[in-house]
Amino acid sequence: MHSSLEETLLGSIRTIPDYPKPGVQFRDITTLLGNARAFRRAVDELVHPYAGTKVEQVAGIEARGFILGGAVAHQLSAGFVPIRKKGKLPHHTVRIAYSLEYGIDEMEMHEDAVKPGQTVILVDDLLATGGTAEAAIKLLRQMGAEVVAACFVIDLPDLGGRAKLEGMDVTVRTLVSYEGD
């Protein structure tokens, strides 16, 4: 008997209490990535709604979004766009500032990574407040991309990220959620 997708994924995600600070339940997907069956099921589920559609690029947010996004791009026969912390990309970049819990950071992508009108899916491991994904979507749109969806393995619904992204007119797809985090 096959276990449900949710059982497979939740059973392969490690929770680390009090990391990176007391009171936080850190959802670690490295254990999911190391489990061939769970990793395959997660990627297949992220890809499924877009198979056969015109997705030209998959954008992944550093660092776990690179792993998931690369696999999704491969399955969709799409290109991959890395969105990185500032100062990590070697060519001409476009940059956006975004808020973190304790200040501001910046992310960037190569200015030629997407072309105006290209359809893009954004991929990352976890949706919490949505601040990082919101900045990535703004950056992609600034370059003329059409962001058709933002996809995540994990949703922490109580932190409001889904509502923030849906408020930007972006379809949000998540595979599992942890209430109360």
Protein backbone atom coordinates (compact mmCIF):
# COMPACT_ATOMS: atom_id res chain seq x y z
CA MET A 1 0.00 0.00 0.00
CA HIS A 2 1.26 3.46 -0.90
CA SER A 3 1.23 6.05 1.84
CA SER A 4 -0.36 9.38 1.09
CA LEU A 5 1.75 12.21 -0.22
CA GLU A 6 1.26 14.10 3.02
CA GLU A 7 2.36 11.12 5.15
CA THR A 8 5.42 10.58 2.96
CA LEU A 9 6.48 14.22 3.06
CA LEU A 10 5.69 14.95 6.70
CA GLY A 11 7.41 11.70 7.69
CA SER A 12 10.58 12.77 5.90
CA ILE A 13 10.85 16.36 7.20
CA ARG A 14 12.89 16.75 10.38
CA THR A 15 11.77 19.29 12.98
CA ILE A 16 14.52 20.91 15.02
CA PRO A 17 13.21 22.71 18.11
CA ASP A 18 14.65 26.07 19.18
CA TYR A 19 16.62 26.67 15.98
CA PRO A 20 17.83 29.22 15.02
CA LYS A 21 16.47 30.71 18.25
CA PRO A 22 14.34 29.61 21.21
CA GLY A 23 10.69 29.01 20.38
CA VAL A 24 11.23 28.32 16.68
CA GLN A 25 10.36 24.91 15.23
CA PHE A 26 12.74 24.68 12.26
CA ARG A 27 11.42 22.51 9.43
CA ASP A 28 14.47 20.87 7.87
CA ILE A 29 13.94 19.44 4.37
CA THR A 30 17.47 18.05 4.03
CA THR A 31 16.06 14.76 5.33
CA LEU A 32 13.36 14.88 2.63
CA LEU A 33 16.02 15.58 -0.02
CA GLY A 34 18.00 12.57 1.20
CA ASN A 35 15.00 10.26 0.94
CA ALA A 36 14.80 9.32 -2.76
CA ARG A 37 11.10 8.42 -2.65
CA ALA A 38 10.03 11.55 -0.75
CA PHE A 39 12.20 13.82 -2.92
CA ARG A 40 10.76 12.31 -6.11
CA ARG A 41 7.18 12.62 -4.85
CA ALA A 42 7.71 16.24 -3.82
CA VAL A 43 9.20 17.20 -7.19
CA ASP A 44 6.49 15.31 -9.09
CA GLU A 45 3.78 17.11 -7.11
CA LEU A 46 5.38 20.51 -7.69
CA VAL A 47 5.63 19.77 -11.43
CA HIS A 48 2.23 18.11 -11.96
CA PRO A 49 -0.04 21.19 -12.39
CA TYR A 50 2.34 22.71 -14.93
CA ALA A 51 3.19 19.66 -17.04
CA GLY A 52 2.26 20.40 -20.64
CA THR A 53 1.94 24.14 -20.02
CA LYS A 54 4.23 26.85 -21.31
CA VAL A 55 6.58 27.39 -18.37
CA GLU A 56 9.76 28.84 -19.80
CA GLN A 57 11.77 29.40 -16.62
CA VAL A 58 11.79 28.14 -13.07
CA ALA A 59 13.26 30.59 -10.55
CA GLY A 60 14.69 29.20 -7.33
CA ILE A 61 15.58 31.12 -4.19
CA GLU A 62 18.95 30.37 -2.60
CA ALA A 63 19.65 27.78 -1.30
CA ARG A 64 17.08 24.98 -1.01
CA GLY A 65 15.04 26.55 -3.80
CA PHE A 66 18.01 25.79 -6.07
CA ILE A 67 17.74 22.07 -5.37
CA LEU A 68 13.97 21.86 -5.77
CA GLY A 69 13.80 24.40 -8.58
CA GLY A 70 16.51 22.70 -10.60
CA ALA A 71 14.66 19.40 -10.43
CA VAL A 72 11.34 21.08 -11.34
CA ALA A 73 12.96 22.93 -14.28
CA HIS A 74 14.43 19.67 -15.56
CA GLN A 75 11.06 17.92 -15.43
CA LEU A 76 9.34 20.81 -17.22
CA SER A 77 12.11 21.21 -19.82
CA ALA A 78 12.43 24.81 -18.66
CA GLY A 79 15.42 26.98 -17.90
CA PHE A 80 16.52 27.70 -14.34
CA VAL A 81 17.03 31.17 -12.82
CA PRO A 82 19.00 31.41 -9.57
CA ILE A 83 17.90 34.20 -7.23
CA ARG A 84 20.76 34.77 -4.80
CA LYS A 85 21.90 36.85 -1.89
CA LYS A 86 23.68 39.99 -3.07
CA GLY A 87 27.24 39.72 -4.27
CA LYS A 88 27.13 36.06 -5.37
CA LEU A 89 26.44 36.40 -9.09
CA PRO A 90 29.31 37.20 -11.48
CA HIS A 91 27.54 39.17 -14.25
CA HIS A 92 25.43 42.34 -14.33
CA THR A 93 22.56 41.99 -11.89
CA VAL A 94 19.30 43.56 -10.80
CA ARG A 95 18.77 43.76 -7.07
CA ILE A 96 15.92 44.26 -4.62
CA ALA A 97 15.93 44.95 -0.89
CA TYR A 98 13.55 43.09 1.39
CA SER A 99 12.78 42.97 5.09
CA LEU A 100 14.04 40.29 7.41
CA GLU A 101 13.02 39.77 11.00
CA TYR A 102 15.98 41.86 12.18
CA GLY A 103 16.70 44.28 9.35
CA ILE A 104 17.04 44.39 5.59
CA ASP A 105 18.81 42.18 3.09
CA GLU A 106 19.09 42.17 -0.67
CA MET A 107 18.70 39.51 -3.34
CA GLU A 108 19.64 39.63 -6.97
CA MET A 109 19.52 37.85 -10.28
CA HIS A 110 21.33 38.35 -13.57
CA GLU A 111 19.70 41.11 -15.59
CA ASP A 112 19.46 38.79 -18.61
CA ALA A 113 18.03 35.80 -16.69
CA VAL A 114 14.49 36.34 -17.94
CA LYS A 115 13.07 38.02 -20.99
CA PRO A 116 9.97 40.21 -21.00
CA GLY A 117 6.84 38.07 -21.26
CA GLN A 118 8.49 34.80 -20.23
CA THR A 119 6.38 32.58 -17.99
CA VAL A 120 8.08 31.74 -14.70
CA ILE A 121 7.34 29.57 -11.69
CA LEU A 122 9.03 30.51 -8.41
CA VAL A 123 10.15 27.58 -6.23
CA ASP A 124 11.41 27.45 -2.64
CA ASP A 125 11.25 25.00 0.22
CA LEU A 126 9.13 26.92 2.73
CA LEU A 127 6.54 29.70 2.78
CA ALA A 128 6.41 31.58 6.09
CA THR A 129 5.77 35.36 6.05
CA GLY A 130 6.24 35.49 2.28
CA GLY A 131 8.75 38.36 2.41
CA THR A 132 11.51 36.61 0.49
CA ALA A 133 9.12 35.22 -2.14
CA GLU A 134 7.42 38.62 -2.47
CA ALA A 135 10.79 40.25 -3.19
CA ALA A 136 11.70 37.54 -5.72
CA ILE A 137 8.36 38.01 -7.52
CA LYS A 138 8.89 41.78 -7.65
CA LEU A 139 12.38 41.25 -9.04
CA LEU A 140 11.11 38.86 -11.74
CA ARG A 141 8.27 41.22 -12.66
CA GLN A 142 10.67 44.18 -12.76
CA MET A 143 12.42 42.34 -15.61
CA GLY A 144 9.11 41.72 -17.40
CA ALA A 145 8.52 38.08 -16.44
CA GLU A 146 5.03 36.71 -15.96
CA VAL A 147 5.07 34.84 -12.63
CA VAL A 148 2.42 32.14 -13.03
CA ALA A 149 2.86 30.49 -9.63
CA ALA A 150 4.91 30.27 -6.47
CA CYS A 151 5.45 26.69 -5.27
CA PHE A 152 6.68 25.46 -1.90
CA VAL A 153 6.99 22.12 -0.16
CA ILE A 154 6.01 23.55 3.24
CA ASP A 155 3.48 26.21 4.23
CA LEU A 156 3.35 27.81 7.67
CA PRO A 157 -0.15 29.27 7.17
CA ASP A 158 -0.34 31.16 10.45
CA LEU A 159 2.48 33.46 9.29
CA GLY A 160 0.47 34.89 6.37
CA GLY A 161 2.73 34.25 3.38
CA ARG A 162 0.05 32.69 1.19
CA ALA A 163 -2.26 35.67 1.60
CA LYS A 164 0.59 38.08 0.83
CA LEU A 165 1.47 36.31 -2.43
CA GLU A 166 -2.14 35.77 -3.47
CA GLY A 167 -2.61 39.51 -2.86
CA MET A 168 0.03 40.00 -5.58
CA ASP A 169 -2.12 37.91 -7.96
CA VAL A 170 0.18 34.89 -7.79
CA THR A 171 -1.15 31.33 -7.56
CA VAL A 172 0.37 29.62 -4.51
CA ARG A 173 0.95 25.87 -4.39
CA THR A 174 2.13 24.12 -1.24
CA LEU A 175 2.37 20.40 -0.48
CA VAL A 176 2.16 20.22 3.32
CA SER A 177 1.45 22.67 6.10
CA TYR A 178 2.26 23.02 9.75
CA GLU A 179 -0.45 24.89 11.64
CA GLY A 180 0.59 27.03 14.59
CA ASP A 181 4.18 27.68 13.44
